[in-house]
C-alpha atoms as a PDB file:
ATOM      1  CA  MET A   1      13.134   8.880 -54.068  1.00  0.00           C
ATOM      2  CA  SER A   2      11.766  10.279 -51.243  1.00  0.00           C
ATOM      3  CA  SER A   3      10.447   8.621 -48.177  1.00  0.00           C
ATOM      4  CA  ILE A   4       8.011   9.867 -45.603  1.00  0.00           C
ATOM      5  CA  THR A   5       8.311   8.765 -41.836  1.00  0.00           C
ATOM      6  CA  ALA A   6       5.136   8.995 -39.735  1.00  0.00           C
ATOM      7  CA  VAL A   7       6.217   9.391 -36.229  1.00  0.00           C
ATOM      8  CA  ALA A   8       3.104   8.126 -33.535  1.00  0.00           C
ATOM      9  CA  THR A   9       3.179   9.629 -30.035  1.00  0.00           C
ATOM     10  CA  ILE A  10       0.866   7.998 -27.627  1.00  0.00           C
ATOM     11  CA  ASP A  11       0.177   9.947 -24.699  1.00  0.00           C
ATOM     12  CA  PRO A  12      -0.259   7.927 -21.316  1.00  0.00           C
ATOM     13  CA  PRO A  13      -4.246   8.447 -19.572  1.00  0.00           C
ATOM     14  CA  ARG A  14      -3.518  11.235 -17.103  1.00  0.00           C
ATOM     15  CA  SER A  15      -4.042  10.140 -13.632  1.00  0.00           C
ATOM     16  CA  SER A  16      -6.998  11.325 -11.789  1.00  0.00           C
ATOM     17  CA  GLY A  17      -5.381  11.936  -8.735  1.00  0.00           C
ATOM     18  CA  LEU A  18      -7.204   9.005  -7.061  1.00  0.00           C
ATOM     19  CA  ASP A  19      -4.463   6.094  -8.507  1.00  0.00           C
ATOM     20  CA  LEU A  20      -1.767   7.093  -6.064  1.00  0.00           C
ATOM     21  CA  PRO A  21      -3.616   6.413  -2.758  1.00  0.00           C
ATOM     22  CA  ALA A  22      -4.991   3.197  -4.844  1.00  0.00           C
ATOM     23  CA  ILE A  23      -1.505   2.121  -5.692  1.00  0.00           C
ATOM     24  CA  ALA A  24      -0.063   3.004  -2.121  1.00  0.00           C
ATOM     25  CA  ALA A  25      -3.049   0.983  -0.598  1.00  0.00           C
ATOM     26  CA  LEU A  26      -2.097  -2.196  -2.950  1.00  0.00           C
ATOM     27  CA  CYS A  27       1.644  -1.791  -2.745  1.00  0.00           C
ATOM     28  CA  GLY A  28       1.281  -1.188   1.042  1.00  0.00           C
ATOM     29  CA  SER A  29      -0.967  -4.044   1.989  1.00  0.00           C
ATOM     30  CA  GLY A  30       0.772  -6.327  -0.305  1.00  0.00           C
ATOM     31  CA  ALA A  31       4.278  -5.573   1.271  1.00  0.00           C
ATOM     32  CA  ILE A  32       2.721  -6.327   4.514  1.00  0.00           C
ATOM     33  CA  LEU A  33       1.447  -9.721   3.290  1.00  0.00           C
ATOM     34  CA  LEU A  34       4.668 -10.384   1.988  1.00  0.00           C
ATOM     35  CA  GLY A  35       6.578  -9.662   5.243  1.00  0.00           C
ATOM     36  CA  ALA A  36       3.929 -11.845   7.268  1.00  0.00           C
ATOM     37  CA  LEU A  37       4.521 -14.897   4.367  1.00  0.00           C
ATOM     38  CA  GLY A  38       7.990 -14.273   4.935  1.00  0.00           C
ATOM     39  CA  PHE A  39       8.063 -14.791   8.809  1.00  0.00           C
ATOM     40  CA  GLN A  40       6.114 -17.810   8.020  1.00  0.00           C
ATOM     41  CA  TYR A  41       7.602 -19.739   5.512  1.00  0.00           C
ATOM     42  CA  LEU A  42      11.006 -18.402   5.778  1.00  0.00           C
ATOM     43  CA  GLY A  43      11.133 -17.526   9.867  1.00  0.00           C
ATOM     44  CA  GLY A  44       9.389 -20.268  10.663  1.00  0.00           C
ATOM     45  CA  TYR A  45       6.802 -18.258  12.656  1.00  0.00           C
ATOM     46  CA  PRO A  46       3.595 -19.791  11.966  1.00  0.00           C
ATOM     47  CA  PRO A  47       0.496 -17.208  12.407  1.00  0.00           C
ATOM     48  CA  CYS A  48      -2.693 -18.225  14.849  1.00  0.00           C
ATOM     49  CA  SER A  49      -6.248 -17.413  13.814  1.00  0.00           C
ATOM     50  CA  LEU A  50      -5.712 -13.509  14.628  1.00  0.00           C
ATOM     51  CA  CYS A  51      -3.390 -13.153  12.386  1.00  0.00           C
ATOM     52  CA  TYR A  52      -5.098 -14.605   9.359  1.00  0.00           C
ATOM     53  CA  TRP A  53      -7.933 -12.132   9.921  1.00  0.00           C
ATOM     54  CA  GLN A  54      -5.628  -9.324   9.659  1.00  0.00           C
ATOM     55  CA  ARG A  55      -4.075 -11.140   6.276  1.00  0.00           C
ATOM     56  CA  TYR A  56      -7.844 -11.133   4.950  1.00  0.00           C
ATOM     57  CA  GLY A  57      -8.256  -7.984   5.775  1.00  0.00           C
ATOM     58  CA  HIS A  58      -4.848  -7.011   3.738  1.00  0.00           C
ATOM     59  CA  VAL A  59      -6.470  -9.254   1.066  1.00  0.00           C
ATOM     60  CA  ALA A  60      -9.678  -7.176   0.673  1.00  0.00           C
ATOM     61  CA  VAL A  61      -7.772  -3.956   0.873  1.00  0.00           C
ATOM     62  CA  MET A  62      -5.619  -5.094  -2.439  1.00  0.00           C
ATOM     63  CA  ALA A  63      -8.937  -6.183  -4.070  1.00  0.00           C
ATOM     64  CA  LEU A  64     -10.674  -2.710  -3.748  1.00  0.00           C
ATOM     65  CA  ALA A  65      -7.522  -1.041  -4.628  1.00  0.00           C
ATOM     66  CA  TRP A  66      -7.054  -3.086  -7.646  1.00  0.00           C
ATOM     67  CA  LEU A  67     -10.787  -2.006  -8.255  1.00  0.00           C
ATOM     68  CA  ALA A  68     -10.236   1.323  -7.897  1.00  0.00           C
ATOM     69  CA  LEU A  69      -7.007   1.378 -10.289  1.00  0.00           C
ATOM     70  CA  LEU A  70      -9.491   0.035 -13.309  1.00  0.00           C
ATOM     71  CA  PRO A  71     -10.619   2.715 -15.915  1.00  0.00           C
ATOM     72  CA  LEU A  72     -14.045   3.192 -13.900  1.00  0.00           C
ATOM     73  CA  GLY A  73     -15.830   6.636 -13.394  1.00  0.00           C
ATOM     74  CA  ARG A  74     -14.573   8.827 -10.857  1.00  0.00           C
ATOM     75  CA  SER A  75     -17.227   8.130  -8.363  1.00  0.00           C
ATOM     76  CA  ALA A  76     -16.600   4.347  -8.550  1.00  0.00           C
ATOM     77  CA  LYS A  77     -12.788   5.031  -8.183  1.00  0.00           C
ATOM     78  CA  ILE A  78     -13.437   7.676  -4.985  1.00  0.00           C
ATOM     79  CA  ALA A  79     -15.812   4.660  -3.610  1.00  0.00           C
ATOM     80  CA  PHE A  80     -13.176   2.130  -4.078  1.00  0.00           C
ATOM     81  CA  ALA A  81     -10.607   4.056  -2.862  1.00  0.00           C
ATOM     82  CA  THR A  82     -12.098   5.051   0.253  1.00  0.00           C
ATOM     83  CA  LEU A  83     -13.523   1.201   0.674  1.00  0.00           C
ATOM     84  CA  SER A  84      -9.366   0.208   0.559  1.00  0.00           C
ATOM     85  CA  GLY A  85      -8.557   3.127   3.133  1.00  0.00           C
ATOM     86  CA  VAL A  86     -11.586   2.007   5.451  1.00  0.00           C
ATOM     87  CA  ALA A  87     -10.304  -1.791   4.829  1.00  0.00           C
ATOM     88  CA  LEU A  88      -6.893  -0.973   5.812  1.00  0.00           C
ATOM     89  CA  LEU A  89      -8.436   0.599   9.283  1.00  0.00           C
ATOM     90  CA  ALA A  90     -10.642  -2.217   9.897  1.00  0.00           C
ATOM     91  CA  THR A  91      -7.374  -4.299   9.721  1.00  0.00           C
ATOM     92  CA  ALA A  92      -5.496  -1.758  12.014  1.00  0.00           C
ATOM     93  CA  GLY A  93      -8.469  -2.790  14.184  1.00  0.00           C
ATOM     94  CA  ILE A  94      -8.094  -6.277  13.999  1.00  0.00           C
ATOM     95  CA  ALA A  95      -4.292  -5.973  14.750  1.00  0.00           C
ATOM     96  CA  VAL A  96      -5.074  -3.766  18.152  1.00  0.00           C
ATOM     97  CA  TYR A  97      -7.485  -6.423  19.349  1.00  0.00           C
ATOM     98  CA  HIS A  98      -4.727  -9.135  18.696  1.00  0.00           C
ATOM     99  CA  VAL A  99      -2.318  -6.816  20.611  1.00  0.00           C
ATOM    100  CA  GLY A 100      -5.025  -6.455  23.173  1.00  0.00           C
ATOM    101  CA  VAL A 101      -4.884 -10.132  23.447  1.00  0.00           C
ATOM    102  CA  GLU A 102      -1.227 -10.695  23.525  1.00  0.00           C
ATOM    103  CA  TRP A 103      -0.517  -8.114  26.314  1.00  0.00           C
ATOM    104  CA  LYS A 104      -3.821  -9.839  28.384  1.00  0.00           C
ATOM    105  CA  TRP A 105      -5.617  -6.631  28.207  1.00  0.00           C
ATOM    106  CA  TRP A 106      -8.844  -9.486  27.508  1.00  0.00           C
ATOM    107  CA  ALA A 107      -9.505 -12.513  26.505  1.00  0.00           C
ATOM    108  CA  GLY A 108      -8.828 -13.949  22.593  1.00  0.00           C
ATOM    109  CA  PRO A 109     -11.263 -16.010  20.826  1.00  0.00           C
ATOM    110  CA  SER A 110     -11.420 -19.614  22.124  1.00  0.00           C
ATOM    111  CA  GLY A 111     -10.091 -21.357  19.143  1.00  0.00           C
ATOM    112  CA  CYS A 112      -7.203 -19.592  18.532  1.00  0.00           C
ATOM    113  CA  THR A 113      -4.939 -22.298  17.740  1.00  0.00           C
ATOM    114  CA  GLY A 114      -3.236 -23.582  14.110  1.00  0.00           C
ATOM    115  CA  ALA A 115      -5.471 -25.427  11.867  1.00  0.00           C
ATOM    116  CA  VAL A 116      -4.892 -29.443  11.548  1.00  0.00           C
ATOM    117  CA  SER A 117      -7.503 -31.089   9.379  1.00  0.00           C
ATOM    118  CA  GLY A 118      -7.948 -35.164  10.208  1.00  0.00           C
ATOM    119  CA  LEU A 119      -9.706 -35.848   6.903  1.00  0.00           C
ATOM    120  CA  GLY A 120      -8.673 -39.469   5.686  1.00  0.00           C
ATOM    121  CA  MET A 121      -6.636 -40.071   8.497  1.00  0.00           C
ATOM    122  CA  SER A 122      -6.881 -43.222  10.849  1.00  0.00           C
ATOM    123  CA  VAL A 123      -7.075 -42.055  14.871  1.00  0.00           C
ATOM    124  CA  GLU A 124      -3.666 -43.006  14.909  1.00  0.00           C
ATOM    125  CA  GLU A 125      -2.186 -41.021  12.372  1.00  0.00           C
ATOM    126  CA  LEU A 126      -4.419 -37.876  13.657  1.00  0.00           C
ATOM    127  CA  LYS A 127      -2.988 -38.632  17.302  1.00  0.00           C
ATOM    128  CA  ARG A 128       0.638 -38.880  15.899  1.00  0.00           C
ATOM    129  CA  ILE A 129       0.121 -35.383  14.108  1.00  0.00           C
ATOM    130  CA  LEU A 130      -1.845 -33.828  17.144  1.00  0.00           C
ATOM    131  CA  MET A 131       1.241 -34.922  19.533  1.00  0.00           C
ATOM    132  CA  GLY A 132       3.444 -33.491  17.085  1.00  0.00           C
ATOM    133  CA  THR A 133       1.842 -30.024  16.485  1.00  0.00           C
ATOM    134  CA  LYS A 134       2.679 -26.857  18.484  1.00  0.00           C
ATOM    135  CA  MET A 135      -0.224 -24.816  19.549  1.00  0.00           C
ATOM    136  CA  ILE A 136      -0.321 -21.374  17.587  1.00  0.00           C
ATOM    137  CA  ARG A 137      -1.616 -19.442  20.330  1.00  0.00           C
ATOM    138  CA  CYS A 138      -2.806 -15.845  19.838  1.00  0.00           C
ATOM    139  CA  ASP A 139      -1.572 -14.472  23.304  1.00  0.00           C
ATOM    140  CA  GLU A 140       1.965 -14.734  22.784  1.00  0.00           C
ATOM    141  CA  ILE A 141       4.353 -13.113  20.980  1.00  0.00           C
ATOM    142  CA  PRO A 142       6.636 -15.147  19.239  1.00  0.00           C
ATOM    143  CA  TRP A 143       9.081 -11.800  17.831  1.00  0.00           C
ATOM    144  CA  SER A 144       9.173  -8.516  18.847  1.00  0.00           C
ATOM    145  CA  LEU A 145      10.932  -5.220  17.384  1.00  0.00           C
ATOM    146  CA  PHE A 146      11.362  -1.969  19.576  1.00  0.00           C
ATOM    147  CA  GLY A 147       8.703  -3.552  21.944  1.00  0.00           C
ATOM    148  CA  LEU A 148       6.404  -3.820  19.027  1.00  0.00           C
ATOM    149  CA  SER A 149       4.692  -7.342  18.007  1.00  0.00           C
ATOM    150  CA  MET A 150       4.274  -8.095  14.029  1.00  0.00           C
ATOM    151  CA  ALA A 151       0.649  -7.512  15.661  1.00  0.00           C
ATOM    152  CA  GLY A 152       1.363  -3.766  16.823  1.00  0.00           C
ATOM    153  CA  TRP A 153       3.268  -3.241  13.849  1.00  0.00           C
ATOM    154  CA  ASN A 154       0.797  -4.347  11.408  1.00  0.00           C
ATOM    155  CA  ALA A 155      -1.604  -1.575  13.435  1.00  0.00           C
ATOM    156  CA  VAL A 156       0.817   1.028  13.555  1.00  0.00           C
ATOM    157  CA  LEU A 157       1.510   0.663   9.243  1.00  0.00           C
ATOM    158  CA  SER A 158      -2.307  -0.121   8.626  1.00  0.00           C
ATOM    159  CA  ALA A 159      -3.473   2.670  10.932  1.00  0.00           C
ATOM    160  CA  ILE A 160      -1.024   5.460   8.914  1.00  0.00           C
ATOM    161  CA  LEU A 161      -1.552   4.020   5.493  1.00  0.00           C
ATOM    162  CA  GLY A 162      -5.124   3.832   6.033  1.00  0.00           C
ATOM    163  CA  GLY A 163      -5.490   7.380   7.237  1.00  0.00           C
ATOM    164  CA  TRP A 164      -3.116   8.757   4.505  1.00  0.00           C
ATOM    165  CA  VAL A 165      -5.110   6.417   1.280  1.00  0.00           C
ATOM    166  CA  LEU A 166      -8.346   8.344   3.037  1.00  0.00           C
ATOM    167  CA  GLU A 167      -6.702  11.690   3.010  1.00  0.00           C
ATOM    168  CA  ARG A 168      -5.593  11.569  -0.280  1.00  0.00           C
ATOM    169  CA  THR A 169      -8.804  10.060  -1.551  1.00  0.00           C
ATOM    170  CA  TRP A 170     -10.926  12.745  -0.173  1.00  0.00           C
ATOM    171  CA  ARG A 171      -8.438  15.403  -1.295  1.00  0.00           C
ATOM    172  CA  SER A 172      -8.469  14.485  -4.564  1.00  0.00           C
ATOM    173  CA  ALA A 173     -12.683  14.349  -4.899  1.00  0.00           C
ATOM    174  CA  PRO A 174     -14.425  16.949  -6.350  1.00  0.00           C
ATOM    175  CA  LYS A 175     -15.938  19.200  -3.778  1.00  0.00           C
ATOM    176  CA  SER A 176     -20.005  18.957  -3.341  1.00  0.00           C
ATOM    177  CA  VAL A 177     -21.383  23.041  -3.704  1.00  0.00           C
END
């Protein structure tokens, strides 16, 4: 009795060269967000409104990078990877603005405080909460390392990663004639 053995091999799809910048943007922004959440929930450093703006930028980066990883046409992948790099640079710009507010180079937004919702509360309950709530100011530096605040580190890391993502994306893009 003879048996026939069939061996199937599956070749993984080949990378277009655009996956690496998209993966770097996705993982880099994810790591920065995880760090911010760690500072917030483990370290006890609540974010101010400018911190939230920076977080929204990283969420946008992650969404755009994820779209660049989908099996789309090359032009769409280039567009989404490029947009993720631009979003990283925009996030770095917001962080630089925050650093300027921290260093008193310019004024920050007037409503730069932590959010408190008073819906469904009595005046006394709301007063008790407000009296016990520490104002989260954008112009104070609660933590720094080597002279850079969290916003400063975000500016540096986002700018470097954004520039690298754009450079790698454009290097992988086809050259027009």
